[in-house]
Every structure is written in C-alpha cells, then in structure tokens.
PDB file of all heavy atoms in Angstrom:
ATOM      1  N   ALA A   1      11.793  -8.458  -7.709  1.00  0.00           N
ATOM      2  CA  ALA A   1      11.517  -7.263  -6.924  1.00  0.00           C
ATOM      3  C   ALA A   1      12.166  -7.364  -5.547  1.00  0.00           C
ATOM      4  O   ALA A   1      12.171  -8.413  -4.925  1.00  0.00           O
ATOM      5  CB  ALA A   1       9.996  -7.020  -6.751  1.00  0.00           C
ATOM      6  N   THR A   2      12.727  -6.253  -5.050  1.00  0.00           N
ATOM      7  CA  THR A   2      13.341  -6.223  -3.707  1.00  0.00           C
ATOM      8  C   THR A   2      12.440  -5.394  -2.793  1.00  0.00           C
ATOM      9  O   THR A   2      11.474  -4.707  -3.260  1.00  0.00           O
ATOM     10  CB  THR A   2      14.684  -5.553  -3.808  1.00  0.00           C
ATOM     11  OG1 THR A   2      14.532  -4.159  -4.160  1.00  0.00           O
ATOM     12  CG2 THR A   2      15.637  -6.227  -4.807  1.00  0.00           C
ATOM     13  N   ASP A   3      12.756  -5.417  -1.538  1.00  0.00           N
ATOM     14  CA  ASP A   3      11.979  -4.611  -0.563  1.00  0.00           C
ATOM     15  C   ASP A   3      12.113  -3.108  -0.865  1.00  0.00           C
ATOM     16  O   ASP A   3      11.147  -2.354  -0.648  1.00  0.00           O
ATOM     17  CB  ASP A   3      12.441  -4.884   0.824  1.00  0.00           C
ATOM     18  CG  ASP A   3      11.995  -6.253   1.346  1.00  0.00           C
ATOM     19  OD1 ASP A   3      11.061  -6.800   0.762  1.00  0.00           O
ATOM     20  OD2 ASP A   3      12.533  -6.710   2.403  1.00  0.00           O
ATOM     21  N   ASP A   4      13.222  -2.664  -1.384  1.00  0.00           N
ATOM     22  CA  ASP A   4      13.431  -1.243  -1.796  1.00  0.00           C
ATOM     23  C   ASP A   4      12.420  -0.957  -2.911  1.00  0.00           C
ATOM     24  O   ASP A   4      11.867   0.166  -2.886  1.00  0.00           O
ATOM     25  CB  ASP A   4      14.835  -0.982  -2.274  1.00  0.00           C
ATOM     26  CG  ASP A   4      15.800  -0.794  -1.051  1.00  0.00           C
ATOM     27  OD1 ASP A   4      15.347  -0.535   0.096  1.00  0.00           O
ATOM     28  OD2 ASP A   4      17.010  -0.866  -1.302  1.00  0.00           O
ATOM     29  N   ASP A   5      12.212  -1.809  -3.789  1.00  0.00           N
ATOM     30  CA  ASP A   5      11.303  -1.599  -4.888  1.00  0.00           C
ATOM     31  C   ASP A   5       9.818  -1.483  -4.432  1.00  0.00           C
ATOM     32  O   ASP A   5       8.990  -0.835  -5.099  1.00  0.00           O
ATOM     33  CB  ASP A   5      11.326  -2.737  -5.959  1.00  0.00           C
ATOM     34  CG  ASP A   5      12.656  -2.823  -6.645  1.00  0.00           C
ATOM     35  OD1 ASP A   5      13.237  -1.739  -6.990  1.00  0.00           O
ATOM     36  OD2 ASP A   5      13.171  -3.917  -6.850  1.00  0.00           O
ATOM     37  N   LEU A   6       9.514  -2.081  -3.259  1.00  0.00           N
ATOM     38  CA  LEU A   6       8.184  -2.048  -2.738  1.00  0.00           C
ATOM     39  C   LEU A   6       7.908  -0.922  -1.738  1.00  0.00           C
ATOM     40  O   LEU A   6       6.763  -0.851  -1.284  1.00  0.00           O
ATOM     41  CB  LEU A   6       7.894  -3.433  -2.079  1.00  0.00           C
ATOM     42  CG  LEU A   6       7.973  -4.640  -2.958  1.00  0.00           C
ATOM     43  CD1 LEU A   6       7.910  -5.935  -2.096  1.00  0.00           C
ATOM     44  CD2 LEU A   6       6.846  -4.645  -3.975  1.00  0.00           C
ATOM     45  N   ASP A   7       8.908  -0.134  -1.478  1.00  0.00           N
ATOM     46  CA  ASP A   7       8.770   0.911  -0.433  1.00  0.00           C
ATOM     47  C   ASP A   7       7.772   1.964  -0.787  1.00  0.00           C
ATOM     48  O   ASP A   7       7.735   2.531  -1.922  1.00  0.00           O
ATOM     49  CB  ASP A   7      10.149   1.515  -0.190  1.00  0.00           C
ATOM     50  CG  ASP A   7      10.166   2.354   1.085  1.00  0.00           C
ATOM     51  OD1 ASP A   7       9.477   1.964   2.048  1.00  0.00           O
ATOM     52  OD2 ASP A   7      10.912   3.335   1.085  1.00  0.00           O
ATOM     53  N   ASN A   8       6.866   2.290   0.218  1.00  0.00           N
ATOM     54  CA  ASN A   8       5.989   3.438   0.066  1.00  0.00           C
ATOM     55  C   ASN A   8       5.036   3.321  -1.139  1.00  0.00           C
ATOM     56  O   ASN A   8       4.624   4.385  -1.663  1.00  0.00           O
ATOM     57  CB  ASN A   8       6.741   4.755   0.048  1.00  0.00           C
ATOM     58  CG  ASN A   8       7.174   5.214   1.392  1.00  0.00           C
ATOM     59  OD1 ASN A   8       6.514   4.955   2.408  1.00  0.00           O
ATOM     60  ND2 ASN A   8       8.359   5.847   1.486  1.00  0.00           N
ATOM     61  N   LEU A   9       4.620   2.174  -1.551  1.00  0.00           N
ATOM     62  CA  LEU A   9       3.674   2.037  -2.685  1.00  0.00           C
ATOM     63  C   LEU A   9       2.335   2.713  -2.337  1.00  0.00           C
ATOM     64  O   LEU A   9       1.667   3.277  -3.255  1.00  0.00           O
ATOM     65  CB  LEU A   9       3.549   0.599  -3.029  1.00  0.00           C
ATOM     66  CG  LEU A   9       4.623  -0.050  -3.931  1.00  0.00           C
ATOM     67  CD1 LEU A   9       4.324  -1.481  -4.066  1.00  0.00           C
ATOM     68  CD2 LEU A   9       4.641   0.618  -5.366  1.00  0.00           C
ATOM     69  N   SER A  10       1.923   2.552  -1.083  1.00  0.00           N
ATOM     70  CA  SER A  10       0.582   3.024  -0.751  1.00  0.00           C
ATOM     71  C   SER A  10       0.443   4.553  -0.875  1.00  0.00           C
ATOM     72  O   SER A  10      -0.699   5.031  -1.015  1.00  0.00           O
ATOM     73  CB  SER A  10       0.260   2.593   0.689  1.00  0.00           C
ATOM     74  OG  SER A  10       1.271   3.072   1.588  1.00  0.00           O
ATOM     75  N   THR A  11       1.538   5.290  -0.928  1.00  0.00           N
ATOM     76  CA  THR A  11       1.362   6.739  -1.080  1.00  0.00           C
ATOM     77  C   THR A  11       0.950   7.099  -2.423  1.00  0.00           C
ATOM     78  O   THR A  11       0.331   8.146  -2.639  1.00  0.00           O
ATOM     79  CB  THR A  11       2.758   7.415  -0.772  1.00  0.00           C
ATOM     80  OG1 THR A  11       3.736   6.936  -1.701  1.00  0.00           O
ATOM     81  CG2 THR A  11       3.241   7.149   0.668  1.00  0.00           C
ATOM     82  N   LEU A  12       1.156   6.217  -3.435  1.00  0.00           N
ATOM     83  CA  LEU A  12       0.732   6.530  -4.781  1.00  0.00           C
ATOM     84  C   LEU A  12      -0.731   6.636  -4.879  1.00  0.00           C
ATOM     85  O   LEU A  12      -1.344   7.420  -5.636  1.00  0.00           O
ATOM     86  CB  LEU A  12       1.215   5.447  -5.771  1.00  0.00           C
ATOM     87  CG  LEU A  12       2.708   5.362  -5.988  1.00  0.00           C
ATOM     88  CD1 LEU A  12       3.062   4.122  -6.875  1.00  0.00           C
ATOM     89  CD2 LEU A  12       3.234   6.607  -6.597  1.00  0.00           C
ATOM     90  N   THR A  13      -1.482   5.757  -4.092  1.00  0.00           N
ATOM     91  CA  THR A  13      -2.954   5.770  -4.184  1.00  0.00           C
ATOM     92  C   THR A  13      -3.511   7.125  -3.699  1.00  0.00           C
ATOM     93  O   THR A  13      -4.587   7.550  -4.063  1.00  0.00           O
ATOM     94  CB  THR A  13      -3.510   4.653  -3.335  1.00  0.00           C
ATOM     95  OG1 THR A  13      -3.100   4.774  -1.973  1.00  0.00           O
ATOM     96  CG2 THR A  13      -3.050   3.278  -3.834  1.00  0.00           C
ATOM     97  N   MET A  14      -2.768   7.773  -2.799  1.00  0.00           N
ATOM     98  CA  MET A  14      -3.298   8.990  -2.166  1.00  0.00           C
ATOM     99  C   MET A  14      -3.131  10.236  -3.114  1.00  0.00           C
ATOM    100  O   MET A  14      -3.590  11.286  -2.817  1.00  0.00           O
ATOM    101  CB  MET A  14      -2.613   9.266  -0.839  1.00  0.00           C
ATOM    102  CG  MET A  14      -2.808   8.196   0.191  1.00  0.00           C
ATOM    103  SD  MET A  14      -4.496   7.671   0.342  1.00  0.00           S
ATOM    104  CE  MET A  14      -5.277   9.125   0.955  1.00  0.00           C
ATOM    105  N   SER A  15      -2.492   9.987  -4.221  1.00  0.00           N
ATOM    106  CA  SER A  15      -2.351  11.134  -5.177  1.00  0.00           C
ATOM    107  C   SER A  15      -3.547  11.152  -6.154  1.00  0.00           C
ATOM    108  O   SER A  15      -3.664  12.038  -6.998  1.00  0.00           O
ATOM    109  CB  SER A  15      -1.055  10.999  -6.025  1.00  0.00           C
ATOM    110  OG  SER A  15      -1.028   9.775  -6.778  1.00  0.00           O
ATOM    111  N   LEU A  16      -4.471  10.094  -6.041  1.00  0.00           N
ATOM    112  CA  LEU A  16      -5.709  10.070  -6.877  1.00  0.00           C
ATOM    113  C   LEU A  16      -6.769  11.051  -6.324  1.00  0.00           C
ATOM    114  O   LEU A  16      -7.046  11.023  -5.100  1.00  0.00           O
ATOM    115  CB  LEU A  16      -6.207   8.691  -6.878  1.00  0.00           C
ATOM    116  CG  LEU A  16      -5.346   7.688  -7.688  1.00  0.00           C
ATOM    117  CD1 LEU A  16      -5.871   6.244  -7.375  1.00  0.00           C
ATOM    118  CD2 LEU A  16      -5.463   7.934  -9.172  1.00  0.00           C
ATOM    119  N   GLU A  17      -7.169  11.914  -7.155  1.00  0.00           N
ATOM    120  CA  GLU A  17      -8.177  12.925  -6.754  1.00  0.00           C
ATOM    121  C   GLU A  17      -9.469  12.236  -6.239  1.00  0.00           C
ATOM    122  O   GLU A  17      -9.954  11.323  -6.855  1.00  0.00           O
ATOM    123  CB  GLU A  17      -8.529  13.830  -7.898  1.00  0.00           C
ATOM    124  CG  GLU A  17      -9.392  15.010  -7.521  1.00  0.00           C
ATOM    125  CD  GLU A  17      -9.615  15.985  -8.699  1.00  0.00           C
ATOM    126  OE1 GLU A  17      -9.069  15.689  -9.802  1.00  0.00           O
ATOM    127  OE2 GLU A  17     -10.262  17.034  -8.500  1.00  0.00           O
ATOM    128  N   GLY A  18      -9.979  12.711  -5.038  1.00  0.00           N
ATOM    129  CA  GLY A  18     -11.198  12.153  -4.531  1.00  0.00           C
ATOM    130  C   GLY A  18     -11.054  10.918  -3.663  1.00  0.00           C
ATOM    131  O   GLY A  18     -11.988  10.471  -3.062  1.00  0.00           O
ATOM    132  N   VAL A  19      -9.819  10.408  -3.535  1.00  0.00           N
ATOM    133  CA  VAL A  19      -9.537   9.180  -2.737  1.00  0.00           C
ATOM    134  C   VAL A  19      -9.202   9.560  -1.282  1.00  0.00           C
ATOM    135  O   VAL A  19      -8.219  10.397  -1.103  1.00  0.00           O
ATOM    136  CB  VAL A  19      -8.438   8.293  -3.329  1.00  0.00           C
ATOM    137  CG1 VAL A  19      -8.049   7.223  -2.345  1.00  0.00           C
ATOM    138  CG2 VAL A  19      -8.903   7.687  -4.636  1.00  0.00           C
ATOM    139  N   ASP A  20      -9.868   9.083  -0.323  1.00  0.00           N
ATOM    140  CA  ASP A  20      -9.599   9.387   1.097  1.00  0.00           C
ATOM    141  C   ASP A  20      -8.867   8.257   1.797  1.00  0.00           C
ATOM    142  O   ASP A  20      -8.276   8.410   2.832  1.00  0.00           O
ATOM    143  CB  ASP A  20     -10.867   9.625   1.822  1.00  0.00           C
ATOM    144  CG  ASP A  20     -11.587  10.920   1.446  1.00  0.00           C
ATOM    145  OD1 ASP A  20     -10.871  11.892   1.035  1.00  0.00           O
ATOM    146  OD2 ASP A  20     -12.805  10.970   1.511  1.00  0.00           O
ATOM    147  N   CYS A  21      -8.896   7.036   1.149  1.00  0.00           N
ATOM    148  CA  CYS A  21      -8.253   5.862   1.726  1.00  0.00           C
ATOM    149  C   CYS A  21      -7.660   4.979   0.658  1.00  0.00           C
ATOM    150  O   CYS A  21      -8.397   4.520  -0.277  1.00  0.00           O
ATOM    151  CB  CYS A  21      -9.262   5.068   2.604  1.00  0.00           C
ATOM    152  SG  CYS A  21      -8.616   3.619   3.342  1.00  0.00           S
ATOM    153  N   GLY A  22      -6.359   4.767   0.672  1.00  0.00           N
ATOM    154  CA  GLY A  22      -5.687   3.893  -0.218  1.00  0.00           C
ATOM    155  C   GLY A  22      -5.109   2.677   0.427  1.00  0.00           C
ATOM    156  O   GLY A  22      -4.506   2.772   1.523  1.00  0.00           O
ATOM    157  N   ILE A  23      -5.364   1.533  -0.126  1.00  0.00           N
ATOM    158  CA  ILE A  23      -4.969   0.241   0.458  1.00  0.00           C
ATOM    159  C   ILE A  23      -4.156  -0.561  -0.556  1.00  0.00           C
ATOM    160  O   ILE A  23      -4.575  -0.831  -1.658  1.00  0.00           O
ATOM    161  CB  ILE A  23      -6.175  -0.586   0.923  1.00  0.00           C
ATOM    162  CG1 ILE A  23      -7.089   0.208   1.874  1.00  0.00           C
ATOM    163  CG2 ILE A  23      -5.782  -1.907   1.563  1.00  0.00           C
ATOM    164  CD1 ILE A  23      -8.407  -0.410   2.179  1.00  0.00           C
ATOM    165  N   ILE A  24      -2.941  -0.975  -0.134  1.00  0.00           N
ATOM    166  CA  ILE A  24      -2.102  -1.792  -0.937  1.00  0.00           C
ATOM    167  C   ILE A  24      -1.821  -3.135  -0.207  1.00  0.00           C
ATOM    168  O   ILE A  24      -1.419  -3.100   0.933  1.00  0.00           O
ATOM    169  CB  ILE A  24      -0.785  -1.188  -1.348  1.00  0.00           C
ATOM    170  CG1 ILE A  24      -1.078   0.150  -2.078  1.00  0.00           C
ATOM    171  CG2 ILE A  24       0.088  -2.067  -2.142  1.00  0.00           C
ATOM    172  CD1 ILE A  24      -1.730  -0.030  -3.399  1.00  0.00           C
ATOM    173  N   LEU A  25      -2.068  -4.249  -0.865  1.00  0.00           N
ATOM    174  CA  LEU A  25      -1.754  -5.618  -0.304  1.00  0.00           C
ATOM    175  C   LEU A  25      -0.583  -6.176  -1.030  1.00  0.00           C
ATOM    176  O   LEU A  25      -0.605  -6.340  -2.276  1.00  0.00           O
ATOM    177  CB  LEU A  25      -2.957  -6.472  -0.399  1.00  0.00           C
ATOM    178  CG  LEU A  25      -4.257  -6.070   0.363  1.00  0.00           C
ATOM    179  CD1 LEU A  25      -5.171  -5.254  -0.555  1.00  0.00           C
ATOM    180  CD2 LEU A  25      -5.053  -7.248   0.893  1.00  0.00           C
ATOM    181  N   THR A  26       0.476  -6.559  -0.281  1.00  0.00           N
ATOM    182  CA  THR A  26       1.577  -7.177  -0.889  1.00  0.00           C
ATOM    183  C   THR A  26       1.797  -8.618  -0.279  1.00  0.00           C
ATOM    184  O   THR A  26       1.934  -8.716   0.925  1.00  0.00           O
ATOM    185  CB  THR A  26       2.870  -6.361  -0.677  1.00  0.00           C
ATOM    186  OG1 THR A  26       2.657  -5.002  -1.134  1.00  0.00           O
ATOM    187  CG2 THR A  26       4.050  -6.936  -1.385  1.00  0.00           C
ATOM    188  N   GLN A  27       1.824  -9.630  -1.085  1.00  0.00           N
ATOM    189  CA  GLN A  27       1.882 -10.978  -0.557  1.00  0.00           C
ATOM    190  C   GLN A  27       3.241 -11.290   0.006  1.00  0.00           C
ATOM    191  O   GLN A  27       4.298 -10.989  -0.661  1.00  0.00           O
ATOM    192  CB  GLN A  27       1.542 -11.967  -1.664  1.00  0.00           C
ATOM    193  CG  GLN A  27       1.291 -13.393  -1.154  1.00  0.00           C
ATOM    194  CD  GLN A  27       0.793 -14.316  -2.188  1.00  0.00           C
ATOM    195  OE1 GLN A  27       1.079 -14.159  -3.403  1.00  0.00           O
ATOM    196  NE2 GLN A  27       0.061 -15.315  -1.809  1.00  0.00           N
ATOM    197  N   ASN A  28       3.295 -11.850   1.194  1.00  0.00           N
ATOM    198  CA  ASN A  28       4.507 -12.198   1.831  1.00  0.00           C
ATOM    199  C   ASN A  28       5.185 -13.430   1.135  1.00  0.00           C
ATOM    200  O   ASN A  28       4.481 -14.257   0.584  1.00  0.00           O
ATOM    201  CB  ASN A  28       4.302 -12.608   3.320  1.00  0.00           C
ATOM    202  CG  ASN A  28       3.854 -11.456   4.121  1.00  0.00           C
ATOM    203  OD1 ASN A  28       4.123 -10.275   3.795  1.00  0.00           O
ATOM    204  ND2 ASN A  28       3.194 -11.653   5.243  1.00  0.00           N
ATOM    205  N   ARG A  29       6.473 -13.533   1.278  1.00  0.00           N
ATOM    206  CA  ARG A  29       7.205 -14.731   0.821  1.00  0.00           C
ATOM    207  C   ARG A  29       7.058 -15.751   1.941  1.00  0.00           C
ATOM    208  O   ARG A  29       7.280 -15.462   3.108  1.00  0.00           O
ATOM    209  CB  ARG A  29       8.592 -14.374   0.508  1.00  0.00           C
ATOM    210  CG  ARG A  29       9.438 -15.552  -0.004  1.00  0.00           C
ATOM    211  CD  ARG A  29      10.863 -15.153  -0.293  1.00  0.00           C
ATOM    212  NE  ARG A  29      10.997 -14.349  -1.550  1.00  0.00           N
ATOM    213  CZ  ARG A  29      11.135 -13.031  -1.585  1.00  0.00           C
ATOM    214  NH1 ARG A  29      11.287 -12.359  -0.426  1.00  0.00           N
ATOM    215  NH2 ARG A  29      11.181 -12.373  -2.714  1.00  0.00           N
ATOM    216  N   GLY A  30       6.695 -16.995   1.619  1.00  0.00           N
ATOM    217  CA  GLY A  30       6.676 -18.017   2.632  1.00  0.00           C
ATOM    218  C   GLY A  30       5.273 -18.420   3.016  1.00  0.00           C
ATOM    219  O   GLY A  30       4.718 -19.381   2.623  1.00  0.00           O
ATOM    220  N   ASP A  31       4.634 -17.529   3.866  1.00  0.00           N
ATOM    221  CA  ASP A  31       3.302 -17.911   4.439  1.00  0.00           C
ATOM    222  C   ASP A  31       2.138 -17.544   3.488  1.00  0.00           C
ATOM    223  O   ASP A  31       1.050 -17.955   3.703  1.00  0.00           O
ATOM    224  CB  ASP A  31       3.107 -17.327   5.877  1.00  0.00           C
ATOM    225  CG  ASP A  31       3.027 -15.800   5.810  1.00  0.00           C
ATOM    226  OD1 ASP A  31       2.999 -15.157   4.728  1.00  0.00           O
ATOM    227  OD2 ASP A  31       3.017 -15.202   6.936  1.00  0.00           O
ATOM    228  N   GLY A  32       2.373 -16.771   2.426  1.00  0.00           N
ATOM    229  CA  GLY A  32       1.340 -16.426   1.513  1.00  0.00           C
ATOM    230  C   GLY A  32       0.360 -15.397   1.950  1.00  0.00           C
ATOM    231  O   GLY A  32      -0.583 -15.038   1.230  1.00  0.00           O
ATOM    232  N   ARG A  33       0.494 -14.922   3.169  1.00  0.00           N
ATOM    233  CA  ARG A  33      -0.416 -13.915   3.671  1.00  0.00           C
ATOM    234  C   ARG A  33      -0.129 -12.581   3.018  1.00  0.00           C
ATOM    235  O   ARG A  33       0.932 -12.415   2.322  1.00  0.00           O
ATOM    236  CB  ARG A  33      -0.297 -13.807   5.224  1.00  0.00           C
ATOM    237  CG  ARG A  33      -0.537 -15.130   5.894  1.00  0.00           C
ATOM    238  CD  ARG A  33      -0.432 -14.917   7.441  1.00  0.00           C
ATOM    239  NE  ARG A  33      -1.653 -14.249   8.010  1.00  0.00           N
ATOM    240  CZ  ARG A  33      -1.691 -13.645   9.154  1.00  0.00           C
ATOM    241  NH1 ARG A  33      -0.551 -13.507   9.860  1.00  0.00           N
ATOM    242  NH2 ARG A  33      -2.834 -13.091   9.617  1.00  0.00           N
ATOM    243  N   TYR A  34      -0.992 -11.549   3.246  1.00  0.00           N
ATOM    244  CA  TYR A  34      -0.827 -10.298   2.602  1.00  0.00           C
ATOM    245  C   TYR A  34      -0.490  -9.256   3.581  1.00  0.00           C
ATOM    246  O   TYR A  34      -1.195  -9.012   4.633  1.00  0.00           O
ATOM    247  CB  TYR A  34      -1.994  -9.871   1.767  1.00  0.00           C
ATOM    248  CG  TYR A  34      -2.123 -10.637   0.496  1.00  0.00           C
ATOM    249  CD1 TYR A  34      -2.705 -11.869   0.395  1.00  0.00           C
ATOM    250  CD2 TYR A  34      -1.633 -10.072  -0.707  1.00  0.00           C
ATOM    251  CE1 TYR A  34      -2.756 -12.562  -0.824  1.00  0.00           C
ATOM    252  CE2 TYR A  34      -1.705 -10.742  -1.935  1.00  0.00           C
ATOM    253  CZ  TYR A  34      -2.273 -11.966  -1.959  1.00  0.00           C
ATOM    254  OH  TYR A  34      -2.353 -12.692  -3.162  1.00  0.00           O
ATOM    255  N   LYS A  35       0.598  -8.486   3.385  1.00  0.00           N
ATOM    256  CA  LYS A  35       0.948  -7.342   4.205  1.00  0.00           C
ATOM    257  C   LYS A  35       0.148  -6.153   3.629  1.00  0.00           C
ATOM    258  O   LYS A  35       0.176  -5.879   2.439  1.00  0.00           O
ATOM    259  CB  LYS A  35       2.425  -7.010   4.083  1.00  0.00           C
ATOM    260  CG  LYS A  35       2.892  -5.779   4.823  1.00  0.00           C
ATOM    261  CD  LYS A  35       4.379  -5.531   4.572  1.00  0.00           C
ATOM    262  CE  LYS A  35       4.825  -4.232   5.236  1.00  0.00           C
ATOM    263  NZ  LYS A  35       4.317  -3.031   4.560  1.00  0.00           N
ATOM    264  N   VAL A  36      -0.583  -5.502   4.558  1.00  0.00           N
ATOM    265  CA  VAL A  36      -1.496  -4.437   4.108  1.00  0.00           C
ATOM    266  C   VAL A  36      -0.926  -3.085   4.583  1.00  0.00           C
ATOM    267  O   VAL A  36      -0.551  -2.883   5.746  1.00  0.00           O
ATOM    268  CB  VAL A  36      -2.881  -4.578   4.737  1.00  0.00           C
ATOM    269  CG1 VAL A  36      -3.797  -3.461   4.304  1.00  0.00           C
ATOM    270  CG2 VAL A  36      -3.489  -5.977   4.364  1.00  0.00           C
ATOM    271  N   SER A  37      -0.827  -2.130   3.661  1.00  0.00           N
ATOM    272  CA  SER A  37      -0.494  -0.729   3.994  1.00  0.00           C
ATOM    273  C   SER A  37      -1.641   0.122   3.724  1.00  0.00           C
ATOM    274  O   SER A  37      -2.233   0.137   2.581  1.00  0.00           O
ATOM    275  CB  SER A  37       0.715  -0.281   3.160  1.00  0.00           C
ATOM    276  OG  SER A  37       1.891  -0.999   3.498  1.00  0.00           O
ATOM    277  N   VAL A  38      -2.077   0.961   4.657  1.00  0.00           N
ATOM    278  CA  VAL A  38      -3.240   1.808   4.515  1.00  0.00           C
ATOM    279  C   VAL A  38      -2.828   3.265   4.689  1.00  0.00           C
ATOM    280  O   VAL A  38      -2.150   3.549   5.681  1.00  0.00           O
ATOM    281  CB  VAL A  38      -4.312   1.409   5.547  1.00  0.00           C
ATOM    282  CG1 VAL A  38      -5.562   2.367   5.359  1.00  0.00           C
ATOM    283  CG2 VAL A  38      -4.786  -0.027   5.409  1.00  0.00           C
ATOM    284  N   ARG A  39      -3.192   4.138   3.790  1.00  0.00           N
ATOM    285  CA  ARG A  39      -2.948   5.594   3.921  1.00  0.00           C
ATOM    286  C   ARG A  39      -4.250   6.273   3.788  1.00  0.00           C
ATOM    287  O   ARG A  39      -5.117   5.881   2.991  1.00  0.00           O
ATOM    288  CB  ARG A  39      -1.962   6.024   2.815  1.00  0.00           C
ATOM    289  CG  ARG A  39      -0.556   5.452   2.899  1.00  0.00           C
ATOM    290  CD  ARG A  39       0.177   5.862   4.146  1.00  0.00           C
ATOM    291  NE  ARG A  39       1.505   5.337   4.161  1.00  0.00           N
ATOM    292  CZ  ARG A  39       1.879   4.198   4.721  1.00  0.00           C
ATOM    293  NH1 ARG A  39       0.975   3.410   5.242  1.00  0.00           N
ATOM    294  NH2 ARG A  39       3.180   3.816   4.721  1.00  0.00           N
ATOM    295  N   THR A  40      -4.452   7.351   4.545  1.00  0.00           N
ATOM    296  CA  THR A  40      -5.753   8.058   4.523  1.00  0.00           C
ATOM    297  C   THR A  40      -5.585   9.562   4.555  1.00  0.00           C
ATOM    298  O   THR A  40      -4.524  10.088   4.998  1.00  0.00           O
ATOM    299  CB  THR A  40      -6.628   7.614   5.789  1.00  0.00           C
ATOM    300  OG1 THR A  40      -5.902   7.968   6.949  1.00  0.00           O
ATOM    301  CG2 THR A  40      -6.912   6.139   5.747  1.00  0.00           C
ATOM    302  N   HIS A  41      -6.566  10.210   4.101  1.00  0.00           N
ATOM    303  CA  HIS A  41      -6.784  11.660   4.381  1.00  0.00           C
ATOM    304  C   HIS A  41      -7.924  11.706   5.425  1.00  0.00           C
ATOM    305  O   HIS A  41      -8.725  10.829   5.556  1.00  0.00           O
ATOM    306  CB  HIS A  41      -7.176  12.366   3.091  1.00  0.00           C
ATOM    307  CG  HIS A  41      -6.130  12.437   2.077  1.00  0.00           C
ATOM    308  ND1 HIS A  41      -4.848  12.784   2.301  1.00  0.00           N
ATOM    309  CD2 HIS A  41      -6.249  12.167   0.713  1.00  0.00           C
ATOM    310  CE1 HIS A  41      -4.175  12.754   1.179  1.00  0.00           C
ATOM    311  NE2 HIS A  41      -4.933  12.359   0.213  1.00  0.00           N
ATOM    312  N   LYS A  42      -7.998  12.892   6.108  1.00  0.00           N
ATOM    313  CA  LYS A  42      -9.123  13.117   7.036  1.00  0.00           C
ATOM    314  C   LYS A  42     -10.388  13.046   6.262  1.00  0.00           C
ATOM    315  O   LYS A  42     -10.491  13.540   5.109  1.00  0.00           O
ATOM    316  CB  LYS A  42      -8.988  14.489   7.712  1.00  0.00           C
ATOM    317  CG  LYS A  42      -7.788  14.522   8.685  1.00  0.00           C
ATOM    318  CD  LYS A  42      -7.675  15.956   9.339  1.00  0.00           C
ATOM    319  CE  LYS A  42      -6.508  15.975  10.264  1.00  0.00           C
ATOM    320  NZ  LYS A  42      -6.429  17.365  10.877  1.00  0.00           N
ATOM    321  N   PRO A  43     -11.471  12.459   6.801  1.00  0.00           N
ATOM    322  CA  PRO A  43     -11.630  12.037   8.134  1.00  0.00           C
ATOM    323  C   PRO A  43     -11.351  10.550   8.387  1.00  0.00           C
ATOM    324  O   PRO A  43     -11.529  10.061   9.495  1.00  0.00           O
ATOM    325  CB  PRO A  43     -13.120  12.221   8.434  1.00  0.00           C
ATOM    326  CG  PRO A  43     -13.754  12.007   7.094  1.00  0.00           C
ATOM    327  CD  PRO A  43     -12.797  12.532   6.092  1.00  0.00           C
TER     328      PRO A  43
END
C-alpha cells in the first residue's frame, strides 16, 4: 500500500447512515504509533 492508497479513508465512514463521527487509525511505519483521522457531522 502507498500513501495515495490511504488517502481520505476516513470520509468513507461518514457515508454510513446515522454516524456522526468516523475514526480511522493507520499504523505508522517505524515507530508503530497510529495516525488518527477524525471526520464528523454536526454537532
């Protein structure tokens, strides 16, 4: 997988009916930590 393949994944969660907050965690290469992307609808 490349960075282009990982682009804007979190927007997919927001297409789910009834979801106000979508969270995607992608593990970094090297330090093993997780990059978090959060997308929300109001409120």
